Amino acid sequence: MQANSSIPLALRAAFCPLHRSAFGLAVGLVGGFAVVTLTAFHVLVDPISAPPLGLLSQFFYGYSVSWEGALIGFFWALVIGFVMGWLAAFVRNLVIAVWIAVVKARAELTRASDFIGHV
């Protein structure tokens, strides 16, 4: 993609495509650390009125509310978060690319119709 100097830097940065793998890794790491933090809190504090965190074992194979379960939960949250982040970045990049193509096509059609109107 060529950089056009007539477009402001802030606008070019706003529509710059997201790196799918980097975004997926970031979402996965945040999800993994969230699971580890919640599990560690439940192991250390053992809150009485807390939601049943053990239900995560229905989604994360091998998970339990324990230190080992925290590591297993980190792995599964990392994998699922990576896939979700990768897909979100892919869809965002696709939508932005299609939108830019439509705007360019409309601008070119307007320019062509103005030219034809003057002929």
N, C-alpha and C. Protein backbone atom coordinates (compact mmCIF):
# COMPACT_ATOMS: atom_id res chain seq x y z
N MET A 1 0.84 -1.18 0.00
CA MET A 1 0.00 0.00 0.00
C MET A 1 0.88 1.23 0.00
N GLN A 2 0.64 2.15 -0.91
CA GLN A 2 1.42 3.36 -1.01
C GLN A 2 0.94 4.39 -0.01
N ALA A 3 1.91 5.06 0.60
CA ALA A 3 1.56 6.12 1.54
C ALA A 3 1.29 7.39 0.74
N ASN A 4 0.15 7.99 0.94
CA ASN A 4 -0.21 9.22 0.27
C ASN A 4 0.04 10.36 1.23
N SER A 5 0.88 11.31 0.83
CA SER A 5 1.24 12.39 1.74
C SER A 5 0.09 13.37 1.97
N SER A 6 -0.95 13.33 1.12
CA SER A 6 -2.08 14.24 1.30
C SER A 6 -3.02 13.76 2.41
N ILE A 7 -2.87 12.51 2.83
CA ILE A 7 -3.71 11.97 3.90
C ILE A 7 -2.98 12.19 5.23
N PRO A 8 -3.64 12.78 6.22
CA PRO A 8 -2.98 13.02 7.51
C PRO A 8 -2.52 11.72 8.17
N LEU A 9 -1.45 11.81 8.93
CA LEU A 9 -0.87 10.64 9.58
C LEU A 9 -1.85 9.97 10.55
N ALA A 10 -2.61 10.77 11.28
CA ALA A 10 -3.57 10.21 12.23
C ALA A 10 -4.65 9.40 11.51
N LEU A 11 -5.07 9.86 10.36
CA LEU A 11 -6.09 9.15 9.59
C LEU A 11 -5.52 7.85 9.01
N ARG A 12 -4.28 7.91 8.52
CA ARG A 12 -3.65 6.68 8.01
C ARG A 12 -3.46 5.67 9.13
N ALA A 13 -3.10 6.12 10.32
CA ALA A 13 -2.90 5.20 11.45
C ALA A 13 -4.23 4.60 11.90
N ALA A 14 -5.31 5.35 11.80
CA ALA A 14 -6.61 4.83 12.23
C ALA A 14 -7.09 3.69 11.34
N PHE A 15 -6.76 3.73 10.07
CA PHE A 15 -7.21 2.70 9.15
C PHE A 15 -6.13 1.68 8.81
N CYS A 16 -5.04 1.72 9.51
CA CYS A 16 -3.96 0.76 9.31
C CYS A 16 -4.45 -0.63 9.74
N PRO A 17 -4.14 -1.67 8.96
CA PRO A 17 -4.63 -3.01 9.34
C PRO A 17 -3.97 -3.52 10.62
N LEU A 18 -4.74 -4.27 11.39
CA LEU A 18 -4.21 -4.90 12.60
C LEU A 18 -3.42 -6.14 12.22
N HIS A 19 -2.36 -6.40 12.95
CA HIS A 19 -1.59 -7.63 12.76
C HIS A 19 -2.38 -8.74 13.45
N ARG A 20 -2.85 -9.71 12.67
CA ARG A 20 -3.75 -10.73 13.20
C ARG A 20 -3.10 -11.57 14.30
N SER A 21 -1.89 -12.03 14.08
CA SER A 21 -1.24 -12.88 15.08
C SER A 21 -0.92 -12.12 16.37
N ALA A 22 -0.47 -10.88 16.22
CA ALA A 22 -0.15 -10.09 17.41
C ALA A 22 -1.41 -9.78 18.22
N PHE A 23 -2.49 -9.45 17.53
CA PHE A 23 -3.74 -9.16 18.23
C PHE A 23 -4.29 -10.42 18.89
N GLY A 24 -4.19 -11.55 18.20
CA GLY A 24 -4.63 -12.81 18.78
C GLY A 24 -3.82 -13.18 20.01
N LEU A 25 -2.51 -12.99 19.95
CA LEU A 25 -1.66 -13.29 21.10
C LEU A 25 -1.99 -12.37 22.28
N ALA A 26 -2.23 -11.10 21.99
CA ALA A 26 -2.57 -10.16 23.06
C ALA A 26 -3.88 -10.54 23.74
N VAL A 27 -4.90 -10.86 22.95
CA VAL A 27 -6.19 -11.26 23.53
C VAL A 27 -6.04 -12.56 24.30
N GLY A 28 -5.28 -13.50 23.77
CA GLY A 28 -5.07 -14.77 24.45
C GLY A 28 -4.34 -14.61 25.77
N LEU A 29 -3.31 -13.78 25.80
CA LEU A 29 -2.57 -13.57 27.04
C LEU A 29 -3.43 -12.88 28.10
N VAL A 30 -4.21 -11.91 27.69
CA VAL A 30 -5.11 -11.24 28.65
C VAL A 30 -6.12 -12.23 29.21
N GLY A 31 -6.70 -13.05 28.35
CA GLY A 31 -7.65 -14.07 28.81
C GLY A 31 -6.99 -15.08 29.73
N GLY A 32 -5.78 -15.52 29.37
CA GLY A 32 -5.05 -16.49 30.20
C GLY A 32 -4.72 -15.94 31.57
N PHE A 33 -4.23 -14.72 31.60
CA PHE A 33 -3.90 -14.12 32.90
C PHE A 33 -5.15 -13.85 33.73
N ALA A 34 -6.27 -13.57 33.07
CA ALA A 34 -7.53 -13.38 33.81
C ALA A 34 -7.96 -14.69 34.47
N VAL A 35 -7.83 -15.79 33.76
CA VAL A 35 -8.20 -17.09 34.34
C VAL A 35 -7.27 -17.44 35.49
N VAL A 36 -5.97 -17.21 35.32
CA VAL A 36 -5.01 -17.50 36.39
C VAL A 36 -5.30 -16.63 37.61
N THR A 37 -5.57 -15.36 37.40
CA THR A 37 -5.85 -14.45 38.51
C THR A 37 -7.11 -14.86 39.26
N LEU A 38 -8.18 -15.16 38.53
CA LEU A 38 -9.42 -15.58 39.18
C LEU A 38 -9.25 -16.90 39.93
N THR A 39 -8.52 -17.83 39.32
CA THR A 39 -8.31 -19.12 39.98
C THR A 39 -7.45 -18.95 41.23
N ALA A 40 -6.40 -18.15 41.14
CA ALA A 40 -5.55 -17.91 42.30
C ALA A 40 -6.33 -17.25 43.43
N PHE A 41 -7.20 -16.31 43.07
CA PHE A 41 -8.03 -15.66 44.09
C PHE A 41 -8.93 -16.68 44.77
N HIS A 42 -9.52 -17.56 44.00
CA HIS A 42 -10.41 -18.57 44.58
C HIS A 42 -9.64 -19.60 45.41
N VAL A 43 -8.42 -19.92 45.02
CA VAL A 43 -7.63 -20.87 45.79
C VAL A 43 -7.17 -20.23 47.10
N LEU A 44 -6.74 -18.99 47.05
CA LEU A 44 -6.19 -18.34 48.25
C LEU A 44 -7.27 -17.86 49.21
N VAL A 45 -8.30 -17.23 48.69
CA VAL A 45 -9.30 -16.60 49.56
C VAL A 45 -10.48 -17.52 49.84
N ASP A 46 -10.86 -18.36 48.90
CA ASP A 46 -12.01 -19.25 49.00
C ASP A 46 -13.28 -18.48 49.39
N PRO A 47 -13.71 -17.55 48.50
CA PRO A 47 -14.89 -16.75 48.82
C PRO A 47 -16.16 -17.61 48.84
N ILE A 48 -17.04 -17.28 49.77
CA ILE A 48 -18.26 -18.07 49.94
C ILE A 48 -19.31 -17.73 48.89
N SER A 49 -19.51 -16.45 48.64
CA SER A 49 -20.59 -16.03 47.74
C SER A 49 -20.08 -15.78 46.31
N ALA A 50 -19.03 -16.47 45.91
CA ALA A 50 -18.47 -16.27 44.57
C ALA A 50 -19.17 -17.18 43.56
N PRO A 51 -19.15 -16.78 42.30
CA PRO A 51 -19.73 -17.66 41.28
C PRO A 51 -18.93 -18.96 41.18
N PRO A 52 -19.57 -20.03 40.77
CA PRO A 52 -18.88 -21.33 40.71
C PRO A 52 -17.87 -21.38 39.57
N LEU A 53 -16.63 -21.10 39.90
CA LEU A 53 -15.56 -21.06 38.90
C LEU A 53 -15.25 -22.44 38.33
N GLY A 54 -15.60 -23.48 39.07
CA GLY A 54 -15.36 -24.84 38.61
C GLY A 54 -16.13 -25.19 37.34
N LEU A 55 -17.15 -24.39 37.00
CA LEU A 55 -17.91 -24.64 35.78
C LEU A 55 -17.07 -24.40 34.52
N LEU A 56 -15.93 -23.74 34.68
CA LEU A 56 -15.03 -23.58 33.52
C LEU A 56 -14.53 -24.92 33.01
N SER A 57 -14.60 -25.95 33.86
CA SER A 57 -14.17 -27.28 33.41
C SER A 57 -15.07 -27.82 32.31
N GLN A 58 -16.27 -27.24 32.15
CA GLN A 58 -17.15 -27.65 31.06
C GLN A 58 -16.61 -27.17 29.71
N PHE A 59 -15.80 -26.11 29.73
CA PHE A 59 -15.24 -25.55 28.51
C PHE A 59 -13.76 -25.85 28.36
N PHE A 60 -13.03 -25.87 29.48
CA PHE A 60 -11.59 -26.10 29.48
C PHE A 60 -11.32 -27.50 30.00
N TYR A 61 -10.98 -28.42 29.11
CA TYR A 61 -10.72 -29.80 29.50
C TYR A 61 -9.57 -29.87 30.50
N GLY A 62 -9.81 -30.50 31.65
CA GLY A 62 -8.78 -30.67 32.67
C GLY A 62 -8.73 -29.57 33.70
N TYR A 63 -9.56 -28.54 33.55
CA TYR A 63 -9.52 -27.41 34.49
C TYR A 63 -10.17 -27.78 35.82
N SER A 64 -9.59 -27.27 36.89
CA SER A 64 -10.18 -27.35 38.22
C SER A 64 -9.73 -26.12 38.99
N VAL A 65 -10.39 -25.84 40.09
CA VAL A 65 -10.01 -24.68 40.89
C VAL A 65 -8.84 -25.11 41.78
N SER A 66 -7.66 -25.09 41.20
CA SER A 66 -6.42 -25.46 41.88
C SER A 66 -5.27 -24.79 41.14
N TRP A 67 -4.06 -24.94 41.67
CA TRP A 67 -2.90 -24.34 41.01
C TRP A 67 -2.64 -25.02 39.67
N GLU A 68 -2.81 -26.33 39.61
CA GLU A 68 -2.65 -27.02 38.33
C GLU A 68 -3.73 -26.60 37.35
N GLY A 69 -4.94 -26.43 37.88
CA GLY A 69 -6.05 -25.98 37.05
C GLY A 69 -5.82 -24.58 36.51
N ALA A 70 -5.11 -23.75 37.28
CA ALA A 70 -4.80 -22.40 36.81
C ALA A 70 -3.92 -22.46 35.57
N LEU A 71 -2.95 -23.36 35.56
CA LEU A 71 -2.08 -23.51 34.39
C LEU A 71 -2.84 -24.08 33.19
N ILE A 72 -3.69 -25.05 33.46
CA ILE A 72 -4.50 -25.62 32.38
C ILE A 72 -5.47 -24.56 31.84
N GLY A 73 -6.07 -23.81 32.74
CA GLY A 73 -6.97 -22.74 32.32
C GLY A 73 -6.25 -21.66 31.54
N PHE A 74 -5.00 -21.36 31.94
CA PHE A 74 -4.21 -20.38 31.20
C PHE A 74 -3.99 -20.85 29.76
N PHE A 75 -3.64 -22.12 29.62
CA PHE A 75 -3.41 -22.67 28.28
C PHE A 75 -4.66 -22.57 27.41
N TRP A 76 -5.79 -23.04 27.95
CA TRP A 76 -7.01 -23.03 27.15
C TRP A 76 -7.48 -21.61 26.85
N ALA A 77 -7.37 -20.71 27.82
CA ALA A 77 -7.78 -19.32 27.57
C ALA A 77 -6.85 -18.66 26.54
N LEU A 78 -5.58 -19.02 26.57
CA LEU A 78 -4.63 -18.50 25.58
C LEU A 78 -5.02 -18.98 24.18
N VAL A 79 -5.33 -20.25 24.05
CA VAL A 79 -5.69 -20.80 22.74
C VAL A 79 -6.99 -20.19 22.23
N ILE A 80 -8.01 -20.18 23.07
CA ILE A 80 -9.31 -19.64 22.64
C ILE A 80 -9.21 -18.14 22.40
N GLY A 81 -8.49 -17.43 23.27
CA GLY A 81 -8.30 -15.99 23.07
C GLY A 81 -7.54 -15.68 21.80
N PHE A 82 -6.53 -16.51 21.48
CA PHE A 82 -5.78 -16.29 20.25
C PHE A 82 -6.69 -16.43 19.03
N VAL A 83 -7.49 -17.48 19.02
CA VAL A 83 -8.39 -17.71 17.88
C VAL A 83 -9.39 -16.57 17.76
N MET A 84 -9.98 -16.16 18.89
CA MET A 84 -10.96 -15.08 18.85
C MET A 84 -10.33 -13.75 18.44
N GLY A 85 -9.14 -13.46 18.96
CA GLY A 85 -8.45 -12.23 18.58
C GLY A 85 -8.04 -12.22 17.13
N TRP A 86 -7.56 -13.37 16.63
CA TRP A 86 -7.17 -13.47 15.23
C TRP A 86 -8.37 -13.24 14.33
N LEU A 87 -9.49 -13.88 14.68
CA LEU A 87 -10.71 -13.70 13.88
C LEU A 87 -11.22 -12.26 13.94
N ALA A 88 -11.17 -11.64 15.10
CA ALA A 88 -11.62 -10.26 15.24
C ALA A 88 -10.77 -9.33 14.38
N ALA A 89 -9.45 -9.51 14.39
CA ALA A 89 -8.57 -8.68 13.57
C ALA A 89 -8.81 -8.93 12.09
N PHE A 90 -9.03 -10.19 11.72
CA PHE A 90 -9.29 -10.52 10.32
C PHE A 90 -10.57 -9.84 9.84
N VAL A 91 -11.63 -9.96 10.62
CA VAL A 91 -12.92 -9.35 10.22
C VAL A 91 -12.80 -7.84 10.18
N ARG A 92 -12.13 -7.24 11.15
CA ARG A 92 -11.95 -5.79 11.17
C ARG A 92 -11.18 -5.34 9.94
N ASN A 93 -10.07 -6.03 9.61
CA ASN A 93 -9.28 -5.67 8.43
C ASN A 93 -10.11 -5.82 7.15
N LEU A 94 -10.89 -6.88 7.08
CA LEU A 94 -11.72 -7.12 5.89
C LEU A 94 -12.78 -6.03 5.74
N VAL A 95 -13.44 -5.68 6.82
CA VAL A 95 -14.48 -4.64 6.76
C VAL A 95 -13.88 -3.30 6.36
N ILE A 96 -12.74 -2.94 6.94
CA ILE A 96 -12.09 -1.67 6.59
C ILE A 96 -11.67 -1.68 5.12
N ALA A 97 -11.10 -2.80 4.63
CA ALA A 97 -10.66 -2.87 3.24
C ALA A 97 -11.84 -2.74 2.28
N VAL A 98 -12.95 -3.42 2.58
CA VAL A 98 -14.13 -3.32 1.72
C VAL A 98 -14.69 -1.91 1.75
N TRP A 99 -14.74 -1.31 2.93
CA TRP A 99 -15.26 0.05 3.05
C TRP A 99 -14.41 1.03 2.26
N ILE A 100 -13.09 0.91 2.35
CA ILE A 100 -12.20 1.81 1.60
C ILE A 100 -12.39 1.59 0.10
N ALA A 101 -12.54 0.33 -0.33
CA ALA A 101 -12.76 0.07 -1.76
C ALA A 101 -14.06 0.68 -2.24
N VAL A 102 -15.11 0.61 -1.43
CA VAL A 102 -16.39 1.21 -1.82
C VAL A 102 -16.27 2.73 -1.90
N VAL A 103 -15.62 3.34 -0.93
CA VAL A 103 -15.45 4.80 -0.95
C VAL A 103 -14.64 5.23 -2.16
N LYS A 104 -13.57 4.48 -2.47
CA LYS A 104 -12.76 4.81 -3.66
C LYS A 104 -13.58 4.67 -4.94
N ALA A 105 -14.36 3.61 -5.04
CA ALA A 105 -15.16 3.39 -6.24
C ALA A 105 -16.19 4.51 -6.41
N ARG A 106 -16.81 4.91 -5.31
CA ARG A 106 -17.79 6.01 -5.39
C ARG A 106 -17.12 7.31 -5.82
N ALA A 107 -15.93 7.58 -5.29
CA ALA A 107 -15.22 8.80 -5.66
C ALA A 107 -14.83 8.78 -7.14
N GLU A 108 -14.38 7.63 -7.64
CA GLU A 108 -14.01 7.52 -9.04
C GLU A 108 -15.24 7.64 -9.95
N LEU A 109 -16.37 7.06 -9.52
CA LEU A 109 -17.60 7.19 -10.30
C LEU A 109 -18.06 8.64 -10.35
N THR A 110 -17.95 9.33 -9.24
CA THR A 110 -18.34 10.75 -9.21
C THR A 110 -17.45 11.56 -10.13
N ARG A 111 -16.14 11.29 -10.09
CA ARG A 111 -15.20 12.00 -10.94
C ARG A 111 -15.49 11.69 -12.42
N ALA A 112 -15.79 10.44 -12.74
CA ALA A 112 -16.07 10.06 -14.12
C ALA A 112 -17.39 10.68 -14.59
N SER A 113 -18.40 10.70 -13.72
CA SER A 113 -19.68 11.29 -14.13
C SER A 113 -19.54 12.80 -14.32
N ASP A 114 -18.69 13.45 -13.52
CA ASP A 114 -18.45 14.88 -13.71
C ASP A 114 -17.77 15.13 -15.06
N PHE A 115 -16.83 14.25 -15.42
CA PHE A 115 -16.13 14.38 -16.69
C PHE A 115 -17.09 14.18 -17.84
N ILE A 116 -17.93 13.14 -17.73
CA ILE A 116 -18.88 12.85 -18.81
C ILE A 116 -19.90 13.97 -18.92
N GLY A 117 -20.27 14.58 -17.81
CA GLY A 117 -21.23 15.68 -17.84
C GLY A 117 -20.69 16.91 -18.54
N HIS A 118 -19.38 17.08 -18.55
CA HIS A 118 -18.76 18.24 -19.19
C HIS A 118 -18.49 18.00 -20.67
N VAL A 119 -18.62 16.78 -21.13
CA VAL A 119 -18.30 16.47 -22.54
C VAL A 119 -19.42 16.83 -23.44
